[in-house]
């Protein structure tokens, strides 16, 4: 009976393939997760949402789905970010020169 009971509990455990890869929770939810303490801890939806909102408030948002990277730091030095007619980011000299 003890062996049968242990197999019942193993059926409820998170399982992972022998070759690695993600854990398979077989459609079940993971609930009652504590808040993150260490950098490698799992994160709750509330924590991720709060961090995302805080970071989005300090972010330049545009309706484009993709924006190319800014030029290199050396090229950007003492210049202002701007966008050309194709909506690509460029840097320009400030009006004061």
PDB file of N, CA and C in Angstrom:
ATOM      1  N   UNK A   1       0.819  -1.191   0.000  1.00  0.00           N
ATOM      2  CA  UNK A   1       0.000   0.000   0.000  1.00  0.00           C
ATOM      3  C   UNK A   1       0.867   1.260   0.000  1.00  0.00           C
ATOM      4  N   UNK A   2       1.969   1.186   0.716  1.00  0.00           N
ATOM      5  CA  UNK A   2       2.864   2.345   0.766  1.00  0.00           C
ATOM      6  C   UNK A   2       3.447   2.628  -0.619  1.00  0.00           C
ATOM      7  N   UNK A   3       3.790   1.587  -1.344  1.00  0.00           N
ATOM      8  CA  UNK A   3       4.337   1.772  -2.696  1.00  0.00           C
ATOM      9  C   UNK A   3       3.278   2.364  -3.613  1.00  0.00           C
ATOM     10  N   UNK A   4       2.050   1.878  -3.528  1.00  0.00           N
ATOM     11  CA  UNK A   4       0.972   2.438  -4.342  1.00  0.00           C
ATOM     12  C   UNK A   4       0.757   3.912  -4.011  1.00  0.00           C
ATOM     13  N   UNK A   5       0.780   4.252  -2.747  1.00  0.00           N
ATOM     14  CA  UNK A   5       0.574   5.639  -2.331  1.00  0.00           C
ATOM     15  C   UNK A   5       1.706   6.536  -2.862  1.00  0.00           C
ATOM     16  N   UNK A   6       2.946   6.028  -2.848  1.00  0.00           N
ATOM     17  CA  UNK A   6       4.059   6.844  -3.352  1.00  0.00           C
ATOM     18  C   UNK A   6       3.898   7.110  -4.846  1.00  0.00           C
ATOM     19  N   UNK A   7       3.383   6.140  -5.601  1.00  0.00           N
ATOM     20  CA  UNK A   7       3.165   6.370  -7.023  1.00  0.00           C
ATOM     21  C   UNK A   7       2.047   7.376  -7.270  1.00  0.00           C
ATOM     22  N   UNK A   8       1.076   7.436  -6.396  1.00  0.00           N
ATOM     23  CA  UNK A   8       0.022   8.454  -6.513  1.00  0.00           C
ATOM     24  C   UNK A   8       0.639   9.831  -6.352  1.00  0.00           C
ATOM     25  N   UNK A   9       1.513  10.008  -5.355  1.00  0.00           N
ATOM     26  CA  UNK A   9       2.154  11.307  -5.139  1.00  0.00           C
ATOM     27  C   UNK A   9       3.106  11.666  -6.282  1.00  0.00           C
ATOM     28  N   UNK A  10       3.795  10.679  -6.851  1.00  0.00           N
ATOM     29  CA  UNK A  10       4.674  10.942  -7.987  1.00  0.00           C
ATOM     30  C   UNK A  10       3.876  11.422  -9.197  1.00  0.00           C
ATOM     31  N   UNK A  11       2.652  10.962  -9.330  1.00  0.00           N
ATOM     32  CA  UNK A  11       1.803  11.401 -10.431  1.00  0.00           C
ATOM     33  C   UNK A  11       1.416  12.868 -10.321  1.00  0.00           C
ATOM     34  N   UNK A  12       1.489  13.430  -9.108  1.00  0.00           N
ATOM     35  CA  UNK A  12       1.146  14.838  -8.904  1.00  0.00           C
ATOM     36  C   UNK A  12       2.371  15.748  -8.933  1.00  0.00           C
ATOM     37  N   UNK A  13       3.565  15.194  -9.066  1.00  0.00           N
ATOM     38  CA  UNK A  13       4.795  15.984  -9.024  1.00  0.00           C
ATOM     39  C   UNK A  13       5.079  16.638 -10.371  1.00  0.00           C
ATOM     40  N   UNK A  14       5.852  17.729 -10.329  1.00  0.00           N
ATOM     41  CA  UNK A  14       6.345  18.318 -11.577  1.00  0.00           C
ATOM     42  C   UNK A  14       7.304  17.323 -12.209  1.00  0.00           C
ATOM     43  N   UNK A  15       7.162  17.117 -13.498  1.00  0.00           N
ATOM     44  CA  UNK A  15       8.035  16.166 -14.171  1.00  0.00           C
ATOM     45  C   UNK A  15       8.828  16.871 -15.249  1.00  0.00           C
ATOM     46  N   UNK A  16      10.000  16.335 -15.475  1.00  0.00           N
ATOM     47  CA  UNK A  16      10.886  16.891 -16.492  1.00  0.00           C
ATOM     48  C   UNK A  16      11.432  15.740 -17.321  1.00  0.00           C
ATOM     49  N   UNK A  17      11.623  15.988 -18.599  1.00  0.00           N
ATOM     50  CA  UNK A  17      12.149  14.970 -19.491  1.00  0.00           C
ATOM     51  C   UNK A  17      13.534  14.517 -19.022  1.00  0.00           C
ATOM     52  N   UNK A  18      13.896  13.289 -19.316  1.00  0.00           N
ATOM     53  CA  UNK A  18      15.226  12.797 -18.959  1.00  0.00           C
ATOM     54  C   UNK A  18      16.324  13.612 -19.622  1.00  0.00           C
ATOM     55  N   UNK A  19      16.030  14.217 -20.752  1.00  0.00           N
ATOM     56  CA  UNK A  19      17.022  14.982 -21.500  1.00  0.00           C
ATOM     57  C   UNK A  19      16.957  16.471 -21.208  1.00  0.00           C
ATOM     58  N   UNK A  20      16.289  16.874 -20.139  1.00  0.00           N
ATOM     59  CA  UNK A  20      16.198  18.287 -19.773  1.00  0.00           C
ATOM     60  C   UNK A  20      14.975  18.926 -20.410  1.00  0.00           C
ATOM     61  N   UNK A  21      15.011  20.230 -20.543  1.00  0.00           N
ATOM     62  CA  UNK A  21      13.878  20.955 -21.097  1.00  0.00           C
ATOM     63  C   UNK A  21      12.974  21.463 -19.994  1.00  0.00           C
ATOM     64  N   UNK A  22      11.862  22.068 -20.369  1.00  0.00           N
ATOM     65  CA  UNK A  22      10.979  22.656 -19.353  1.00  0.00           C
ATOM     66  C   UNK A  22      10.214  21.584 -18.573  1.00  0.00           C
ATOM     67  N   UNK A  23       9.759  21.977 -17.392  1.00  0.00           N
ATOM     68  CA  UNK A  23       8.917  21.089 -16.590  1.00  0.00           C
ATOM     69  C   UNK A  23       7.530  21.006 -17.214  1.00  0.00           C
ATOM     70  N   UNK A  24       6.909  19.852 -17.104  1.00  0.00           N
ATOM     71  CA  UNK A  24       5.566  19.650 -17.632  1.00  0.00           C
ATOM     72  C   UNK A  24       4.599  19.598 -16.458  1.00  0.00           C
ATOM     73  N   UNK A  25       3.730  20.602 -16.329  1.00  0.00           N
ATOM     74  CA  UNK A  25       2.755  20.611 -15.240  1.00  0.00           C
ATOM     75  C   UNK A  25       1.414  20.055 -15.693  1.00  0.00           C
ATOM     76  N   UNK A  26       1.361  19.566 -16.922  1.00  0.00           N
ATOM     77  CA  UNK A  26       0.197  18.878 -17.462  1.00  0.00           C
ATOM     78  C   UNK A  26      -1.090  19.675 -17.322  1.00  0.00           C
ATOM     79  N   UNK A  27      -1.011  20.974 -17.510  1.00  0.00           N
ATOM     80  CA  UNK A  27      -2.194  21.817 -17.500  1.00  0.00           C
ATOM     81  C   UNK A  27      -2.620  22.315 -16.138  1.00  0.00           C
ATOM     82  N   UNK A  28      -1.946  21.873 -15.067  1.00  0.00           N
ATOM     83  CA  UNK A  28      -2.291  22.333 -13.732  1.00  0.00           C
ATOM     84  C   UNK A  28      -1.665  23.694 -13.455  1.00  0.00           C
ATOM     85  N   UNK A  29      -2.266  24.473 -12.563  1.00  0.00           N
ATOM     86  CA  UNK A  29      -1.730  25.763 -12.144  1.00  0.00           C
ATOM     87  C   UNK A  29      -0.784  25.565 -10.973  1.00  0.00           C
ATOM     88  N   UNK A  30       0.203  26.442 -10.876  1.00  0.00           N
ATOM     89  CA  UNK A  30       1.040  26.493  -9.680  1.00  0.00           C
ATOM     90  C   UNK A  30       0.517  27.677  -8.878  1.00  0.00           C
ATOM     91  N   UNK A  31       0.042  27.425  -7.671  1.00  0.00           N
ATOM     92  CA  UNK A  31      -0.550  28.497  -6.874  1.00  0.00           C
ATOM     93  C   UNK A  31       0.200  28.653  -5.557  1.00  0.00           C
ATOM     94  N   UNK A  32      -0.135  29.726  -4.836  1.00  0.00           N
ATOM     95  CA  UNK A  32       0.464  30.022  -3.529  1.00  0.00           C
ATOM     96  C   UNK A  32       1.977  30.173  -3.611  1.00  0.00           C
ATOM     97  N   UNK A  33       2.465  30.751  -4.687  1.00  0.00           N
ATOM     98  CA  UNK A  33       3.892  30.987  -4.868  1.00  0.00           C
ATOM     99  C   UNK A  33       4.286  32.212  -4.047  1.00  0.00           C
ATOM    100  N   UNK A  34       5.338  32.098  -3.258  1.00  0.00           N
ATOM    101  CA  UNK A  34       5.790  33.218  -2.425  1.00  0.00           C
ATOM    102  C   UNK A  34       6.461  34.280  -3.303  1.00  0.00           C
ATOM    103  N   UNK A  35       6.574  35.494  -2.775  1.00  0.00           N
ATOM    104  CA  UNK A  35       7.250  36.567  -3.504  1.00  0.00           C
ATOM    105  C   UNK A  35       8.724  36.236  -3.674  1.00  0.00           C
ATOM    106  N   UNK A  36       9.305  36.801  -4.715  1.00  0.00           N
ATOM    107  CA  UNK A  36      10.701  36.557  -5.035  1.00  0.00           C
ATOM    108  C   UNK A  36      11.617  37.151  -3.966  1.00  0.00           C
ATOM    109  N   UNK A  37      12.643  36.393  -3.568  1.00  0.00           N
ATOM    110  CA  UNK A  37      13.661  36.884  -2.637  1.00  0.00           C
ATOM    111  C   UNK A  37      15.016  36.913  -3.342  1.00  0.00           C
ATOM    112  N   UNK A  38      15.408  35.800  -3.937  1.00  0.00           N
ATOM    113  CA  UNK A  38      16.676  35.702  -4.654  1.00  0.00           C
ATOM    114  C   UNK A  38      16.451  35.906  -6.148  1.00  0.00           C
ATOM    115  N   UNK A  39      17.503  36.240  -6.871  1.00  0.00           N
ATOM    116  CA  UNK A  39      17.360  36.544  -8.293  1.00  0.00           C
ATOM    117  C   UNK A  39      16.909  35.342  -9.123  1.00  0.00           C
ATOM    118  N   UNK A  40      17.129  34.132  -8.656  1.00  0.00           N
ATOM    119  CA  UNK A  40      16.736  32.943  -9.404  1.00  0.00           C
ATOM    120  C   UNK A  40      15.380  32.384  -8.991  1.00  0.00           C
ATOM    121  N   UNK A  41      14.694  33.025  -8.045  1.00  0.00           N
ATOM    122  CA  UNK A  41      13.381  32.555  -7.602  1.00  0.00           C
ATOM    123  C   UNK A  41      12.326  32.780  -8.687  1.00  0.00           C
ATOM    124  N   UNK A  42      11.291  31.967  -8.654  1.00  0.00           N
ATOM    125  CA  UNK A  42      10.148  32.178  -9.550  1.00  0.00           C
ATOM    126  C   UNK A  42       9.440  33.463  -9.146  1.00  0.00           C
ATOM    127  N   UNK A  43       8.765  34.087 -10.087  1.00  0.00           N
ATOM    128  CA  UNK A  43       8.102  35.363  -9.823  1.00  0.00           C
ATOM    129  C   UNK A  43       6.593  35.216  -9.984  1.00  0.00           C
ATOM    130  N   UNK A  44       5.851  35.915  -9.131  1.00  0.00           N
ATOM    131  CA  UNK A  44       4.404  35.900  -9.228  1.00  0.00           C
ATOM    132  C   UNK A  44       3.948  36.888 -10.294  1.00  0.00           C
ATOM    133  N   UNK A  45       2.743  36.725 -10.785  1.00  0.00           N
ATOM    134  CA  UNK A  45       2.204  37.633 -11.792  1.00  0.00           C
ATOM    135  C   UNK A  45       2.120  39.054 -11.248  1.00  0.00           C
ATOM    136  N   UNK A  46       1.751  39.198  -9.987  1.00  0.00           N
ATOM    137  CA  UNK A  46       1.671  40.525  -9.381  1.00  0.00           C
ATOM    138  C   UNK A  46       3.006  41.239  -9.390  1.00  0.00           C
ATOM    139  N   UNK A  47       4.085  40.512  -9.080  1.00  0.00           N
ATOM    140  CA  UNK A  47       5.421  41.112  -9.084  1.00  0.00           C
ATOM    141  C   UNK A  47       5.826  41.528 -10.501  1.00  0.00           C
ATOM    142  N   UNK A  48       5.598  40.657 -11.460  1.00  0.00           N
ATOM    143  CA  UNK A  48       5.966  40.964 -12.841  1.00  0.00           C
ATOM    144  C   UNK A  48       5.163  42.153 -13.350  1.00  0.00           C
ATOM    145  N   UNK A  49       3.863  42.189 -13.059  1.00  0.00           N
ATOM    146  CA  UNK A  49       3.034  43.316 -13.492  1.00  0.00           C
ATOM    147  C   UNK A  49       3.507  44.623 -12.869  1.00  0.00           C
ATOM    148  N   UNK A  50       3.850  44.614 -11.587  1.00  0.00           N
ATOM    149  CA  UNK A  50       4.285  45.855 -10.925  1.00  0.00           C
ATOM    150  C   UNK A  50       5.625  46.328 -11.483  1.00  0.00           C
ATOM    151  N   UNK A  51       6.529  45.399 -11.757  1.00  0.00           N
ATOM    152  CA  UNK A  51       7.825  45.784 -12.312  1.00  0.00           C
ATOM    153  C   UNK A  51       7.678  46.275 -13.742  1.00  0.00           C
ATOM    154  N   UNK A  52       6.790  45.632 -14.497  1.00  0.00           N
ATOM    155  CA  UNK A  52       6.557  46.061 -15.877  1.00  0.00           C
ATOM    156  C   UNK A  52       5.966  47.450 -15.937  1.00  0.00           C
ATOM    157  N   UNK A  53       4.972  47.747 -15.080  1.00  0.00           N
ATOM    158  CA  UNK A  53       4.368  49.075 -15.057  1.00  0.00           C
ATOM    159  C   UNK A  53       5.388  50.134 -14.685  1.00  0.00           C
ATOM    160  N   UNK A  54       6.235  49.842 -13.709  1.00  0.00           N
ATOM    161  CA  UNK A  54       7.251  50.809 -13.284  1.00  0.00           C
ATOM    162  C   UNK A  54       8.233  51.089 -14.408  1.00  0.00           C
ATOM    163  N   UNK A  55       8.615  50.067 -15.137  1.00  0.00           N
ATOM    164  CA  UNK A  55       9.581  50.261 -16.227  1.00  0.00           C
ATOM    165  C   UNK A  55       8.929  50.913 -17.448  1.00  0.00           C
ATOM    166  N   UNK A  56       7.668  50.582 -17.726  1.00  0.00           N
ATOM    167  CA  UNK A  56       7.001  51.188 -18.877  1.00  0.00           C
ATOM    168  C   UNK A  56       6.779  52.682 -18.691  1.00  0.00           C
ATOM    169  N   UNK A  57       6.629  53.134 -17.457  1.00  0.00           N
ATOM    170  CA  UNK A  57       6.438  54.555 -17.219  1.00  0.00           C
ATOM    171  C   UNK A  57       7.681  55.363 -17.567  1.00  0.00           C
ATOM    172  N   UNK A  58       8.829  54.720 -17.665  1.00  0.00           N
ATOM    173  CA  UNK A  58      10.079  55.393 -18.003  1.00  0.00           C
ATOM    174  C   UNK A  58      10.554  55.027 -19.403  1.00  0.00           C
ATOM    175  N   UNK A  59       9.649  54.578 -20.238  1.00  0.00           N
ATOM    176  CA  UNK A  59      10.017  54.087 -21.553  1.00  0.00           C
ATOM    177  C   UNK A  59       9.362  54.912 -22.642  1.00  0.00           C
ATOM    178  N   UNK A  60      10.102  55.158 -23.716  1.00  0.00           N
ATOM    179  CA  UNK A  60       9.539  55.814 -24.891  1.00  0.00           C
ATOM    180  C   UNK A  60       8.701  54.788 -25.640  1.00  0.00           C
ATOM    181  N   UNK A  61       7.417  55.061 -25.798  1.00  0.00           N
ATOM    182  CA  UNK A  61       6.522  54.113 -26.457  1.00  0.00           C
ATOM    183  C   UNK A  61       6.035  54.683 -27.787  1.00  0.00           C
ATOM    184  N   UNK A  62       6.075  53.872 -28.813  1.00  0.00           N
ATOM    185  CA  UNK A  62       5.604  54.252 -30.136  1.00  0.00           C
ATOM    186  C   UNK A  62       4.719  53.123 -30.662  1.00  0.00           C
ATOM    187  N   UNK A  63       3.857  53.411 -31.625  1.00  0.00           N
ATOM    188  CA  UNK A  63       2.956  52.362 -32.118  1.00  0.00           C
ATOM    189  C   UNK A  63       3.641  51.321 -33.013  1.00  0.00           C
ATOM    190  N   UNK A  64       4.889  51.537 -33.390  1.00  0.00           N
ATOM    191  CA  UNK A  64       5.592  50.588 -34.259  1.00  0.00           C
ATOM    192  C   UNK A  64       5.812  49.268 -33.520  1.00  0.00           C
ATOM    193  N   UNK A  65       5.777  48.158 -34.243  1.00  0.00           N
ATOM    194  CA  UNK A  65       6.021  46.866 -33.611  1.00  0.00           C
ATOM    195  C   UNK A  65       7.510  46.586 -33.487  1.00  0.00           C
ATOM    196  N   UNK A  66       8.344  47.292 -34.252  1.00  0.00           N
ATOM    197  CA  UNK A  66       9.797  47.082 -34.197  1.00  0.00           C
ATOM    198  C   UNK A  66      10.492  48.408 -34.440  1.00  0.00           C
ATOM    199  N   UNK A  67      11.508  48.687 -33.652  1.00  0.00           N
ATOM    200  CA  UNK A  67      12.339  49.870 -33.842  1.00  0.00           C
ATOM    201  C   UNK A  67      13.785  49.402 -33.850  1.00  0.00           C
ATOM    202  N   UNK A  68      14.558  49.747 -34.896  1.00  0.00           N
ATOM    203  CA  UNK A  68      15.959  49.326 -34.928  1.00  0.00           C
ATOM    204  C   UNK A  68      16.744  49.911 -33.756  1.00  0.00           C
ATOM    205  N   UNK A  69      17.886  49.330 -33.484  1.00  0.00           N
ATOM    206  CA  UNK A  69      18.738  49.792 -32.385  1.00  0.00           C
ATOM    207  C   UNK A  69      19.286  51.183 -32.674  1.00  0.00           C
ATOM    208  N   UNK A  70      19.571  51.917 -31.604  1.00  0.00           N
ATOM    209  CA  UNK A  70      20.212  53.228 -31.736  1.00  0.00           C
ATOM    210  C   UNK A  70      21.650  53.050 -32.212  1.00  0.00           C
ATOM    211  N   UNK A  71      22.239  54.095 -32.786  1.00  0.00           N
ATOM    212  CA  UNK A  71      23.657  54.009 -33.169  1.00  0.00           C
ATOM    213  C   UNK A  71      24.544  53.776 -31.940  1.00  0.00           C
ATOM    214  N   UNK A  72      25.797  53.495 -32.174  1.00  0.00           N
ATOM    215  CA  UNK A  72      26.735  53.198 -31.089  1.00  0.00           C
ATOM    216  C   UNK A  72      26.906  54.389 -30.153  1.00  0.00           C
ATOM    217  N   UNK A  73      27.396  54.117 -28.952  1.00  0.00           N
ATOM    218  CA  UNK A  73      27.578  55.159 -27.936  1.00  0.00           C
ATOM    219  C   UNK A  73      28.541  56.244 -28.414  1.00  0.00           C
ATOM    220  N   UNK A  74      29.598  55.864 -29.095  1.00  0.00           N
ATOM    221  CA  UNK A  74      30.558  56.858 -29.582  1.00  0.00           C
ATOM    222  C   UNK A  74      29.899  57.809 -30.580  1.00  0.00           C
ATOM    223  N   UNK A  75      29.047  57.280 -31.434  1.00  0.00           N
ATOM    224  CA  UNK A  75      28.366  58.106 -32.428  1.00  0.00           C
ATOM    225  C   UNK A  75      27.276  58.971 -31.789  1.00  0.00           C
ATOM    226  N   UNK A  76      26.655  58.477 -30.697  1.00  0.00           N
ATOM    227  CA  UNK A  76      25.581  59.218 -30.020  1.00  0.00           C
ATOM    228  C   UNK A  76      26.098  60.323 -29.107  1.00  0.00           C
ATOM    229  N   UNK A  77      27.370  60.326 -28.779  1.00  0.00           N
ATOM    230  CA  UNK A  77      27.918  61.257 -27.792  1.00  0.00           C
ATOM    231  C   UNK A  77      27.587  62.706 -28.156  1.00  0.00           C
ATOM    232  N   UNK A  78      27.009  63.433 -27.190  1.00  0.00           N
ATOM    233  CA  UNK A  78      26.663  64.860 -27.325  1.00  0.00           C
ATOM    234  C   UNK A  78      25.620  65.131 -28.407  1.00  0.00           C
ATOM    235  N   UNK A  79      24.802  64.133 -28.725  1.00  0.00           N
ATOM    236  CA  UNK A  79      23.756  64.296 -29.736  1.00  0.00           C
ATOM    237  C   UNK A  79      22.413  63.914 -29.141  1.00  0.00           C
ATOM    238  N   UNK A  80      21.332  64.273 -29.838  1.00  0.00           N
ATOM    239  CA  UNK A  80      19.968  63.977 -29.381  1.00  0.00           C
ATOM    240  C   UNK A  80      19.357  62.881 -30.256  1.00  0.00           C
ATOM    241  N   UNK A  81      18.550  62.004 -29.667  1.00  0.00           N
ATOM    242  CA  UNK A  81      17.875  61.002 -30.498  1.00  0.00           C
ATOM    243  C   UNK A  81      16.750  61.654 -31.311  1.00  0.00           C
ATOM    244  N   UNK A  82      16.575  61.149 -32.511  1.00  0.00           N
ATOM    245  CA  UNK A  82      15.507  61.625 -33.405  1.00  0.00           C
ATOM    246  C   UNK A  82      15.117  60.464 -34.309  1.00  0.00           C
ATOM    247  N   UNK A  83      14.123  60.685 -35.157  1.00  0.00           N
ATOM    248  CA  UNK A  83      13.687  59.663 -36.104  1.00  0.00           C
ATOM    249  C   UNK A  83      13.683  60.240 -37.506  1.00  0.00           C
ATOM    250  N   UNK A  84      14.152  59.460 -38.478  1.00  0.00           N
ATOM    251  CA  UNK A  84      14.138  59.921 -39.861  1.00  0.00           C
ATOM    252  C   UNK A  84      12.778  59.639 -40.502  1.00  0.00           C
ATOM    253  N   UNK A  85      12.656  59.890 -41.807  1.00  0.00           N
ATOM    254  CA  UNK A  85      11.361  59.740 -42.491  1.00  0.00           C
ATOM    255  C   UNK A  85      10.899  58.283 -42.574  1.00  0.00           C
ATOM    256  N   UNK A  86      11.809  57.326 -42.400  1.00  0.00           N
ATOM    257  CA  UNK A  86      11.420  55.906 -42.396  1.00  0.00           C
ATOM    258  C   UNK A  86      11.148  55.405 -40.976  1.00  0.00           C
ATOM    259  N   UNK A  87      11.101  56.307 -40.000  1.00  0.00           N
ATOM    260  CA  UNK A  87      10.872  55.975 -38.594  1.00  0.00           C
ATOM    261  C   UNK A  87      12.024  55.219 -37.951  1.00  0.00           C
ATOM    262  N   UNK A  88      13.214  55.316 -38.508  1.00  0.00           N
ATOM    263  CA  UNK A  88      14.388  54.704 -37.908  1.00  0.00           C
ATOM    264  C   UNK A  88      15.043  55.700 -36.958  1.00  0.00           C
ATOM    265  N   UNK A  89      15.579  55.225 -35.824  1.00  0.00           N
ATOM    266  CA  UNK A  89      16.217  56.151 -34.895  1.00  0.00           C
ATOM    267  C   UNK A  89      17.558  56.641 -35.444  1.00  0.00           C
ATOM    268  N   UNK A  90      17.780  57.923 -35.292  1.00  0.00           N
ATOM    269  CA  UNK A  90      19.041  58.555 -35.673  1.00  0.00           C
ATOM    270  C   UNK A  90      19.430  59.499 -34.542  1.00  0.00           C
ATOM    271  N   UNK A  91      20.592  60.074 -34.622  1.00  0.00           N
ATOM    272  CA  UNK A  91      21.000  61.102 -33.664  1.00  0.00           C
ATOM    273  C   UNK A  91      21.333  62.375 -34.432  1.00  0.00           C
ATOM    274  N   UNK A  92      20.986  63.495 -33.839  1.00  0.00           N
ATOM    275  CA  UNK A  92      21.231  64.799 -34.470  1.00  0.00           C
ATOM    276  C   UNK A  92      21.884  65.722 -33.456  1.00  0.00           C
ATOM    277  N   UNK A  93      22.543  66.738 -33.963  1.00  0.00           N
ATOM    278  CA  UNK A  93      23.115  67.740 -33.093  1.00  0.00           C
ATOM    279  C   UNK A  93      22.013  68.563 -32.443  1.00  0.00           C
ATOM    280  N   UNK A  94      22.166  68.956 -31.203  1.00  0.00           N
ATOM    281  CA  UNK A  94      21.142  69.792 -30.552  1.00  0.00           C
ATOM    282  C   UNK A  94      21.071  71.150 -31.255  1.00  0.00           C
ATOM    283  N   UNK A  95      19.933  71.854 -31.141  1.00  0.00           N
ATOM    284  CA  UNK A  95      19.787  73.145 -31.798  1.00  0.00           C
ATOM    285  C   UNK A  95      20.872  74.134 -31.412  1.00  0.00           C
ATOM    286  N   UNK A  96      21.413  74.002 -30.215  1.00  0.00           N
ATOM    287  CA  UNK A  96      22.446  74.942 -29.781  1.00  0.00           C
ATOM    288  C   UNK A  96      23.783  74.624 -30.432  1.00  0.00           C
ATOM    289  N   UNK A  97      23.885  73.518 -31.156  1.00  0.00           N
ATOM    290  CA  UNK A  97      25.119  73.170 -31.825  1.00  0.00           C
ATOM    291  C   UNK A  97      25.904  72.195 -31.032  1.00  0.00           C
TER     292      UNK A  97
END
